[in-house]
Amino acid sequence: MSEENGSGTQQGQRAGAFDIRLVIAALFVLYGAICTLMGLLGTSEEEISQAAGININLWSGLGMLVFAGAFALWARLRPIVLPADSETSGS
């Protein structure tokens, strides 16, 4: 059994920016950055005391950023490869 993984053989095209995992990661980065900034800059002591002493915006924003990083890492390590001979048949 021999596998050719050299640059001479084309195994298919990567999905790249059209990978849904990257779209989801980008949305979580956007929402996570907004929540993190609101947690750092826009949360009063009264709001924190109403939330049992936890800065919910800060922690949820950081969690979203970690989740986005995990999705981006997943897309980078396990890319979706489209078949090289994929042709759509028109009707």
PDB file of N, CA and C in Angstrom:
ATOM      1  N   MET A   1       0.834  -1.173   0.000  1.00  0.00           N
ATOM      2  CA  MET A   1       0.000   0.000   0.000  1.00  0.00           C
ATOM      3  C   MET A   1       0.877   1.234   0.000  1.00  0.00           C
ATOM      4  N   SER A   2       0.752   2.031  -1.013  1.00  0.00           N
ATOM      5  CA  SER A   2       1.544   3.256  -1.047  1.00  0.00           C
ATOM      6  C   SER A   2       0.612   4.439  -1.249  1.00  0.00           C
ATOM      7  N   GLU A   3       0.855   5.458  -0.469  1.00  0.00           N
ATOM      8  CA  GLU A   3       0.071   6.683  -0.588  1.00  0.00           C
ATOM      9  C   GLU A   3       0.975   7.775  -1.106  1.00  0.00           C
ATOM     10  N   GLU A   4       0.487   8.519  -2.081  1.00  0.00           N
ATOM     11  CA  GLU A   4       1.264   9.620  -2.617  1.00  0.00           C
ATOM     12  C   GLU A   4       0.725  10.911  -2.035  1.00  0.00           C
ATOM     13  N   ASN A   5       1.530  11.533  -1.202  1.00  0.00           N
ATOM     14  CA  ASN A   5       1.145  12.792  -0.592  1.00  0.00           C
ATOM     15  C   ASN A   5       2.057  13.927  -1.039  1.00  0.00           C
ATOM     16  N   GLY A   6       2.737  13.739  -2.125  1.00  0.00           N
ATOM     17  CA  GLY A   6       3.636  14.771  -2.605  1.00  0.00           C
ATOM     18  C   GLY A   6       2.882  15.888  -3.288  1.00  0.00           C
ATOM     19  N   SER A   7       3.635  16.872  -3.715  1.00  0.00           N
ATOM     20  CA  SER A   7       3.000  18.008  -4.365  1.00  0.00           C
ATOM     21  C   SER A   7       2.632  17.688  -5.808  1.00  0.00           C
ATOM     22  N   GLY A   8       3.082  16.572  -6.343  1.00  0.00           N
ATOM     23  CA  GLY A   8       2.778  16.213  -7.711  1.00  0.00           C
ATOM     24  C   GLY A   8       1.367  15.676  -7.900  1.00  0.00           C
ATOM     25  N   THR A   9       0.752  15.181  -6.872  1.00  0.00           N
ATOM     26  CA  THR A   9      -0.605  14.653  -6.991  1.00  0.00           C
ATOM     27  C   THR A   9      -1.575  15.613  -6.357  1.00  0.00           C
ATOM     28  N   GLN A  10      -2.685  15.820  -7.046  1.00  0.00           N
ATOM     29  CA  GLN A  10      -3.710  16.709  -6.513  1.00  0.00           C
ATOM     30  C   GLN A  10      -4.791  15.862  -5.876  1.00  0.00           C
ATOM     31  N   GLN A  11      -4.996  16.019  -4.594  1.00  0.00           N
ATOM     32  CA  GLN A  11      -5.964  15.225  -3.863  1.00  0.00           C
ATOM     33  C   GLN A  11      -7.307  15.908  -3.796  1.00  0.00           C
ATOM     34  N   GLY A  12      -7.379  17.170  -4.111  1.00  0.00           N
ATOM     35  CA  GLY A  12      -8.630  17.909  -4.041  1.00  0.00           C
ATOM     36  C   GLY A  12      -8.372  19.324  -3.589  1.00  0.00           C
ATOM     37  N   GLN A  13      -9.413  20.090  -3.611  1.00  0.00           N
ATOM     38  CA  GLN A  13      -9.307  21.492  -3.230  1.00  0.00           C
ATOM     39  C   GLN A  13      -9.879  21.689  -1.837  1.00  0.00           C
ATOM     40  N   ARG A  14      -9.210  22.509  -1.023  1.00  0.00           N
ATOM     41  CA  ARG A  14      -9.690  22.797   0.329  1.00  0.00           C
ATOM     42  C   ARG A  14     -10.852  23.776   0.267  1.00  0.00           C
ATOM     43  N   ALA A  15     -11.758  23.669   1.232  1.00  0.00           N
ATOM     44  CA  ALA A  15     -12.918  24.547   1.271  1.00  0.00           C
ATOM     45  C   ALA A  15     -12.511  25.981   1.602  1.00  0.00           C
ATOM     46  N   GLY A  16     -11.462  26.169   2.384  1.00  0.00           N
ATOM     47  CA  GLY A  16     -10.939  27.495   2.676  1.00  0.00           C
ATOM     48  C   GLY A  16     -11.913  28.378   3.433  1.00  0.00           C
ATOM     49  N   ALA A  17     -12.126  29.583   2.921  1.00  0.00           N
ATOM     50  CA  ALA A  17     -12.978  30.566   3.610  1.00  0.00           C
ATOM     51  C   ALA A  17     -14.448  30.153   3.604  1.00  0.00           C
ATOM     52  N   PHE A  18     -14.810  29.216   2.767  1.00  0.00           N
ATOM     53  CA  PHE A  18     -16.198  28.783   2.697  1.00  0.00           C
ATOM     54  C   PHE A  18     -16.509  27.660   3.685  1.00  0.00           C
ATOM     55  N   ASP A  19     -15.545  27.316   4.514  1.00  0.00           N
ATOM     56  CA  ASP A  19     -15.751  26.312   5.549  1.00  0.00           C
ATOM     57  C   ASP A  19     -16.659  26.910   6.622  1.00  0.00           C
ATOM     58  N   ILE A  20     -17.764  26.252   6.922  1.00  0.00           N
ATOM     59  CA  ILE A  20     -18.746  26.783   7.868  1.00  0.00           C
ATOM     60  C   ILE A  20     -18.152  26.966   9.256  1.00  0.00           C
ATOM     61  N   ARG A  21     -17.138  26.177   9.595  1.00  0.00           N
ATOM     62  CA  ARG A  21     -16.503  26.312  10.903  1.00  0.00           C
ATOM     63  C   ARG A  21     -15.817  27.658  11.054  1.00  0.00           C
ATOM     64  N   LEU A  22     -15.256  28.183   9.965  1.00  0.00           N
ATOM     65  CA  LEU A  22     -14.618  29.496  10.021  1.00  0.00           C
ATOM     66  C   LEU A  22     -15.645  30.613  10.130  1.00  0.00           C
ATOM     67  N   VAL A  23     -16.789  30.434   9.502  1.00  0.00           N
ATOM     68  CA  VAL A  23     -17.867  31.419   9.614  1.00  0.00           C
ATOM     69  C   VAL A  23     -18.371  31.462  11.049  1.00  0.00           C
ATOM     70  N   ILE A  24     -18.588  30.293  11.643  1.00  0.00           N
ATOM     71  CA  ILE A  24     -19.040  30.223  13.037  1.00  0.00           C
ATOM     72  C   ILE A  24     -17.985  30.827  13.958  1.00  0.00           C
ATOM     73  N   ALA A  25     -16.714  30.531  13.719  1.00  0.00           N
ATOM     74  CA  ALA A  25     -15.638  31.087  14.543  1.00  0.00           C
ATOM     75  C   ALA A  25     -15.605  32.608  14.441  1.00  0.00           C
ATOM     76  N   ALA A  26     -15.799  33.140  13.238  1.00  0.00           N
ATOM     77  CA  ALA A  26     -15.790  34.595  13.064  1.00  0.00           C
ATOM     78  C   ALA A  26     -16.934  35.252  13.826  1.00  0.00           C
ATOM     79  N   LEU A  27     -18.106  34.645  13.798  1.00  0.00           N
ATOM     80  CA  LEU A  27     -19.234  35.198  14.545  1.00  0.00           C
ATOM     81  C   LEU A  27     -18.982  35.160  16.047  1.00  0.00           C
ATOM     82  N   PHE A  28     -18.411  34.074  16.530  1.00  0.00           N
ATOM     83  CA  PHE A  28     -18.111  33.984  17.956  1.00  0.00           C
ATOM     84  C   PHE A  28     -17.007  34.957  18.358  1.00  0.00           C
ATOM     85  N   VAL A  29     -16.059  35.240  17.479  1.00  0.00           N
ATOM     86  CA  VAL A  29     -15.035  36.244  17.773  1.00  0.00           C
ATOM     87  C   VAL A  29     -15.695  37.615  17.902  1.00  0.00           C
ATOM     88  N   LEU A  30     -16.613  37.923  16.995  1.00  0.00           N
ATOM     89  CA  LEU A  30     -17.292  39.211  17.039  1.00  0.00           C
ATOM     90  C   LEU A  30     -18.101  39.366  18.328  1.00  0.00           C
ATOM     91  N   TYR A  31     -18.956  38.397  18.611  1.00  0.00           N
ATOM     92  CA  TYR A  31     -19.783  38.471  19.817  1.00  0.00           C
ATOM     93  C   TYR A  31     -18.939  38.371  21.085  1.00  0.00           C
ATOM     94  N   GLY A  32     -17.916  37.541  21.061  1.00  0.00           N
ATOM     95  CA  GLY A  32     -17.042  37.403  22.222  1.00  0.00           C
ATOM     96  C   GLY A  32     -16.275  38.677  22.517  1.00  0.00           C
ATOM     97  N   ALA A  33     -15.801  39.356  21.468  1.00  0.00           N
ATOM     98  CA  ALA A  33     -15.088  40.614  21.668  1.00  0.00           C
ATOM     99  C   ALA A  33     -16.019  41.675  22.241  1.00  0.00           C
ATOM    100  N   ILE A  34     -17.250  41.731  21.745  1.00  0.00           N
ATOM    101  CA  ILE A  34     -18.214  42.701  22.260  1.00  0.00           C
ATOM    102  C   ILE A  34     -18.525  42.422  23.725  1.00  0.00           C
ATOM    103  N   CYS A  35     -18.797  41.168  24.069  1.00  0.00           N
ATOM    104  CA  CYS A  35     -19.104  40.831  25.467  1.00  0.00           C
ATOM    105  C   CYS A  35     -17.908  41.080  26.373  1.00  0.00           C
ATOM    106  N   THR A  36     -16.709  40.754  25.916  1.00  0.00           N
ATOM    107  CA  THR A  36     -15.516  40.970  26.728  1.00  0.00           C
ATOM    108  C   THR A  36     -15.291  42.458  26.976  1.00  0.00           C
ATOM    109  N   LEU A  37     -15.441  43.264  25.944  1.00  0.00           N
ATOM    110  CA  LEU A  37     -15.277  44.706  26.123  1.00  0.00           C
ATOM    111  C   LEU A  37     -16.352  45.280  27.035  1.00  0.00           C
ATOM    112  N   MET A  38     -17.568  44.799  26.899  1.00  0.00           N
ATOM    113  CA  MET A  38     -18.635  45.255  27.797  1.00  0.00           C
ATOM    114  C   MET A  38     -18.342  44.832  29.230  1.00  0.00           C
ATOM    115  N   GLY A  39     -17.788  43.656  29.401  1.00  0.00           N
ATOM    116  CA  GLY A  39     -17.430  43.199  30.738  1.00  0.00           C
ATOM    117  C   GLY A  39     -16.306  44.000  31.360  1.00  0.00           C
ATOM    118  N   LEU A  40     -15.348  44.406  30.523  1.00  0.00           N
ATOM    119  CA  LEU A  40     -14.215  45.170  31.036  1.00  0.00           C
ATOM    120  C   LEU A  40     -14.545  46.649  31.236  1.00  0.00           C
ATOM    121  N   LEU A  41     -15.318  47.210  30.315  1.00  0.00           N
ATOM    122  CA  LEU A  41     -15.500  48.657  30.318  1.00  0.00           C
ATOM    123  C   LEU A  41     -16.896  49.122  30.724  1.00  0.00           C
ATOM    124  N   GLY A  42     -17.904  48.283  30.558  1.00  0.00           N
ATOM    125  CA  GLY A  42     -19.265  48.784  30.722  1.00  0.00           C
ATOM    126  C   GLY A  42     -20.090  48.130  31.803  1.00  0.00           C
ATOM    127  N   THR A  43     -19.473  47.393  32.690  1.00  0.00           N
ATOM    128  CA  THR A  43     -20.234  46.718  33.732  1.00  0.00           C
ATOM    129  C   THR A  43     -20.022  47.439  35.060  1.00  0.00           C
ATOM    130  N   SER A  44     -21.125  47.797  35.686  1.00  0.00           N
ATOM    131  CA  SER A  44     -21.030  48.497  36.971  1.00  0.00           C
ATOM    132  C   SER A  44     -21.009  47.489  38.121  1.00  0.00           C
ATOM    133  N   GLU A  45     -20.646  47.985  39.277  1.00  0.00           N
ATOM    134  CA  GLU A  45     -20.628  47.136  40.473  1.00  0.00           C
ATOM    135  C   GLU A  45     -22.033  46.646  40.817  1.00  0.00           C
ATOM    136  N   GLU A  46     -23.031  47.454  40.541  1.00  0.00           N
ATOM    137  CA  GLU A  46     -24.417  47.054  40.808  1.00  0.00           C
ATOM    138  C   GLU A  46     -24.823  45.862  39.934  1.00  0.00           C
ATOM    139  N   GLU A  47     -24.435  45.891  38.668  1.00  0.00           N
ATOM    140  CA  GLU A  47     -24.749  44.778  37.772  1.00  0.00           C
ATOM    141  C   GLU A  47     -24.015  43.503  38.196  1.00  0.00           C
ATOM    142  N   ILE A  48     -22.801  43.646  38.648  1.00  0.00           N
ATOM    143  CA  ILE A  48     -22.036  42.486  39.107  1.00  0.00           C
ATOM    144  C   ILE A  48     -22.662  41.905  40.372  1.00  0.00           C
ATOM    145  N   SER A  49     -23.111  42.768  41.272  1.00  0.00           N
ATOM    146  CA  SER A  49     -23.738  42.264  42.507  1.00  0.00           C
ATOM    147  C   SER A  49     -25.078  41.592  42.214  1.00  0.00           C
ATOM    148  N   GLN A  50     -25.793  42.040  41.185  1.00  0.00           N
ATOM    149  CA  GLN A  50     -27.042  41.382  40.793  1.00  0.00           C
ATOM    150  C   GLN A  50     -26.790  39.995  40.212  1.00  0.00           C
ATOM    151  N   ALA A  51     -25.595  39.769  39.695  1.00  0.00           N
ATOM    152  CA  ALA A  51     -25.242  38.484  39.077  1.00  0.00           C
ATOM    153  C   ALA A  51     -24.419  37.626  40.027  1.00  0.00           C
ATOM    154  N   ALA A  52     -24.683  37.733  41.325  1.00  0.00           N
ATOM    155  CA  ALA A  52     -24.015  36.924  42.358  1.00  0.00           C
ATOM    156  C   ALA A  52     -22.507  37.157  42.387  1.00  0.00           C
ATOM    157  N   GLY A  53     -22.089  38.388  42.060  1.00  0.00           N
ATOM    158  CA  GLY A  53     -20.674  38.725  42.142  1.00  0.00           C
ATOM    159  C   GLY A  53     -19.839  38.267  40.965  1.00  0.00           C
ATOM    160  N   ILE A  54     -20.477  37.833  39.888  1.00  0.00           N
ATOM    161  CA  ILE A  54     -19.756  37.346  38.714  1.00  0.00           C
ATOM    162  C   ILE A  54     -19.954  38.331  37.565  1.00  0.00           C
ATOM    163  N   ASN A  55     -18.883  38.693  36.906  1.00  0.00           N
ATOM    164  CA  ASN A  55     -18.975  39.552  35.731  1.00  0.00           C
ATOM    165  C   ASN A  55     -19.330  38.666  34.533  1.00  0.00           C
ATOM    166  N   ILE A  56     -20.621  38.497  34.314  1.00  0.00           N
ATOM    167  CA  ILE A  56     -21.094  37.539  33.305  1.00  0.00           C
ATOM    168  C   ILE A  56     -20.648  37.925  31.903  1.00  0.00           C
ATOM    169  N   ASN A  57     -20.691  39.214  31.582  1.00  0.00           N
ATOM    170  CA  ASN A  57     -20.264  39.635  30.247  1.00  0.00           C
ATOM    171  C   ASN A  57     -18.806  39.267  29.990  1.00  0.00           C
ATOM    172  N   LEU A  58     -17.963  39.493  30.971  1.00  0.00           N
ATOM    173  CA  LEU A  58     -16.541  39.187  30.804  1.00  0.00           C
ATOM    174  C   LEU A  58     -16.321  37.689  30.608  1.00  0.00           C
ATOM    175  N   TRP A  59     -16.899  36.869  31.482  1.00  0.00           N
ATOM    176  CA  TRP A  59     -16.662  35.424  31.406  1.00  0.00           C
ATOM    177  C   TRP A  59     -17.314  34.786  30.190  1.00  0.00           C
ATOM    178  N   SER A  60     -18.503  35.240  29.818  1.00  0.00           N
ATOM    179  CA  SER A  60     -19.127  34.672  28.610  1.00  0.00           C
ATOM    180  C   SER A  60     -18.371  35.108  27.363  1.00  0.00           C
ATOM    181  N   GLY A  61     -17.865  36.351  27.351  1.00  0.00           N
ATOM    182  CA  GLY A  61     -17.069  36.814  26.215  1.00  0.00           C
ATOM    183  C   GLY A  61     -15.777  36.034  26.071  1.00  0.00           C
ATOM    184  N   LEU A  62     -15.103  35.790  27.188  1.00  0.00           N
ATOM    185  CA  LEU A  62     -13.874  34.992  27.125  1.00  0.00           C
ATOM    186  C   LEU A  62     -14.166  33.557  26.692  1.00  0.00           C
ATOM    187  N   GLY A  63     -15.267  33.016  27.167  1.00  0.00           N
ATOM    188  CA  GLY A  63     -15.669  31.666  26.739  1.00  0.00           C
ATOM    189  C   GLY A  63     -15.944  31.599  25.248  1.00  0.00           C
ATOM    190  N   MET A  64     -16.594  32.634  24.716  1.00  0.00           N
ATOM    191  CA  MET A  64     -16.856  32.679  23.270  1.00  0.00           C
ATOM    192  C   MET A  64     -15.564  32.783  22.477  1.00  0.00           C
ATOM    193  N   LEU A  65     -14.603  33.545  22.977  1.00  0.00           N
ATOM    194  CA  LEU A  65     -13.327  33.664  22.281  1.00  0.00           C
ATOM    195  C   LEU A  65     -12.558  32.337  22.287  1.00  0.00           C
ATOM    196  N   VAL A  66     -12.615  31.612  23.393  1.00  0.00           N
ATOM    197  CA  VAL A  66     -11.982  30.287  23.461  1.00  0.00           C
ATOM    198  C   VAL A  66     -12.671  29.326  22.495  1.00  0.00           C
ATOM    199  N   PHE A  67     -14.010  29.372  22.467  1.00  0.00           N
ATOM    200  CA  PHE A  67     -14.779  28.519  21.560  1.00  0.00           C
ATOM    201  C   PHE A  67     -14.437  28.831  20.102  1.00  0.00           C
ATOM    202  N   ALA A  68     -14.309  30.113  19.773  1.00  0.00           N
ATOM    203  CA  ALA A  68     -13.947  30.509  18.410  1.00  0.00           C
ATOM    204  C   ALA A  68     -12.551  30.011  18.053  1.00  0.00           C
ATOM    205  N   GLY A  69     -11.627  30.090  19.015  1.00  0.00           N
ATOM    206  CA  GLY A  69     -10.284  29.576  18.770  1.00  0.00           C
ATOM    207  C   GLY A  69     -10.272  28.080  18.533  1.00  0.00           C
ATOM    208  N   ALA A  70     -11.116  27.360  19.275  1.00  0.00           N
ATOM    209  CA  ALA A  70     -11.207  25.911  19.084  1.00  0.00           C
ATOM    210  C   ALA A  70     -11.755  25.582  17.701  1.00  0.00           C
ATOM    211  N   PHE A  71     -12.766  26.319  17.248  1.00  0.00           N
ATOM    212  CA  PHE A  71     -13.322  26.079  15.916  1.00  0.00           C
ATOM    213  C   PHE A  71     -12.301  26.392  14.830  1.00  0.00           C
ATOM    214  N   ALA A  72     -11.567  27.494  14.979  1.00  0.00           N
ATOM    215  CA  ALA A  72     -10.560  27.859  13.985  1.00  0.00           C
ATOM    216  C   ALA A  72      -9.427  26.830  13.961  1.00  0.00           C
ATOM    217  N   LEU A  73      -9.026  26.354  15.118  1.00  0.00           N
ATOM    218  CA  LEU A  73      -7.997  25.322  15.188  1.00  0.00           C
ATOM    219  C   LEU A  73      -8.476  24.024  14.549  1.00  0.00           C
ATOM    220  N   TRP A  74      -9.722  23.665  14.801  1.00  0.00           N
ATOM    221  CA  TRP A  74     -10.310  22.473  14.199  1.00  0.00           C
ATOM    222  C   TRP A  74     -10.324  22.596  12.675  1.00  0.00           C
ATOM    223  N   ALA A  75     -10.717  23.748  12.161  1.00  0.00           N
ATOM    224  CA  ALA A  75     -10.747  23.953  10.715  1.00  0.00           C
ATOM    225  C   ALA A  75      -9.340  23.920  10.128  1.00  0.00           C
ATOM    226  N   ARG A  76      -8.370  24.381  10.890  1.00  0.00           N
ATOM    227  CA  ARG A  76      -6.985  24.383  10.404  1.00  0.00           C
ATOM    228  C   ARG A  76      -6.373  22.981  10.413  1.00  0.00           C
ATOM    229  N   LEU A  77      -6.646  22.218  11.467  1.00  0.00           N
ATOM    230  CA  LEU A  77      -6.044  20.889  11.595  1.00  0.00           C
ATOM    231  C   LEU A  77      -6.755  19.829  10.755  1.00  0.00           C
ATOM    232  N   ARG A  78      -8.049  19.951  10.586  1.00  0.00           N
ATOM    233  CA  ARG A  78      -8.823  18.977   9.820  1.00  0.00           C
ATOM    234  C   ARG A  78      -9.605  19.677   8.710  1.00  0.00           C
ATOM    235  N   PRO A  79      -8.931  20.151   7.661  1.00  0.00           N
ATOM    236  CA  PRO A  79      -9.629  20.905   6.613  1.00  0.00           C
ATOM    237  C   PRO A  79     -10.563  20.006   5.808  1.00  0.00           C
ATOM    238  N   ILE A  80     -11.613  20.605   5.302  1.00  0.00           N
ATOM    239  CA  ILE A  80     -12.528  19.891   4.416  1.00  0.00           C
ATOM    240  C   ILE A  80     -11.921  19.940   3.020  1.00  0.00           C
ATOM    241  N   VAL A  81     -11.725  18.767   2.439  1.00  0.00           N
ATOM    242  CA  VAL A  81     -11.130  18.674   1.112  1.00  0.00           C
ATOM    243  C   VAL A  81     -12.211  18.225   0.148  1.00  0.00           C
ATOM    244  N   LEU A  82     -12.430  19.051  -0.866  1.00  0.00           N
ATOM    245  CA  LEU A  82     -13.415  18.729  -1.890  1.00  0.00           C
ATOM    246  C   LEU A  82     -12.776  17.791  -2.909  1.00  0.00           C
ATOM    247  N   PRO A  83     -13.522  16.834  -3.434  1.00  0.00           N
ATOM    248  CA  PRO A  83     -12.963  15.936  -4.449  1.00  0.00           C
ATOM    249  C   PRO A  83     -12.498  16.718  -5.680  1.00  0.00           C
ATOM    250  N   ALA A  84     -11.416  16.267  -6.280  1.00  0.00           N
ATOM    251  CA  ALA A  84     -10.844  16.970  -7.424  1.00  0.00           C
ATOM    252  C   ALA A  84     -11.727  16.881  -8.654  1.00  0.00           C
ATOM    253  N   ASP A  85     -12.492  15.804  -8.779  1.00  0.00           N
ATOM    254  CA  ASP A  85     -13.309  15.612  -9.984  1.00  0.00           C
ATOM    255  C   ASP A  85     -14.782  15.925  -9.732  1.00  0.00           C
ATOM    256  N   SER A  86     -15.068  16.788  -8.776  1.00  0.00           N
ATOM    257  CA  SER A  86     -16.473  17.102  -8.478  1.00  0.00           C
ATOM    258  C   SER A  86     -17.010  18.064  -9.508  1.00  0.00           C
ATOM    259  N   GLU A  87     -17.955  17.608 -10.291  1.00  0.00           N
ATOM    260  CA  GLU A  87     -18.614  18.438 -11.296  1.00  0.00           C
ATOM    261  C   GLU A  87     -20.097  18.384 -11.017  1.00  0.00           C
ATOM    262  N   THR A  88     -20.740  19.539 -11.073  1.00  0.00           N
ATOM    263  CA  THR A  88     -22.178  19.566 -10.859  1.00  0.00           C
ATOM    264  C   THR A  88     -22.870  19.277 -12.170  1.00  0.00           C
ATOM    265  N   SER A  89     -23.870  18.441 -12.094  1.00  0.00           N
ATOM    266  CA  SER A  89     -24.621  18.089 -13.304  1.00  0.00           C
ATOM    267  C   SER A  89     -25.843  18.985 -13.379  1.00  0.00           C
ATOM    268  N   GLY A  90     -25.946  19.740 -14.451  1.00  0.00           N
ATOM    269  CA  GLY A  90     -27.064  20.670 -14.637  1.00  0.00           C
ATOM    270  C   GLY A  90     -28.250  19.957 -15.256  1.00  0.00           C
ATOM    271  N   SER A  91     -29.446  20.400 -14.912  1.00  0.00           N
ATOM    272  CA  SER A  91     -30.654  19.812 -15.496  1.00  0.00           C
ATOM    273  C   SER A  91     -31.281  20.768 -16.453  1.00  0.00           C
TER     274      SER A  91
END
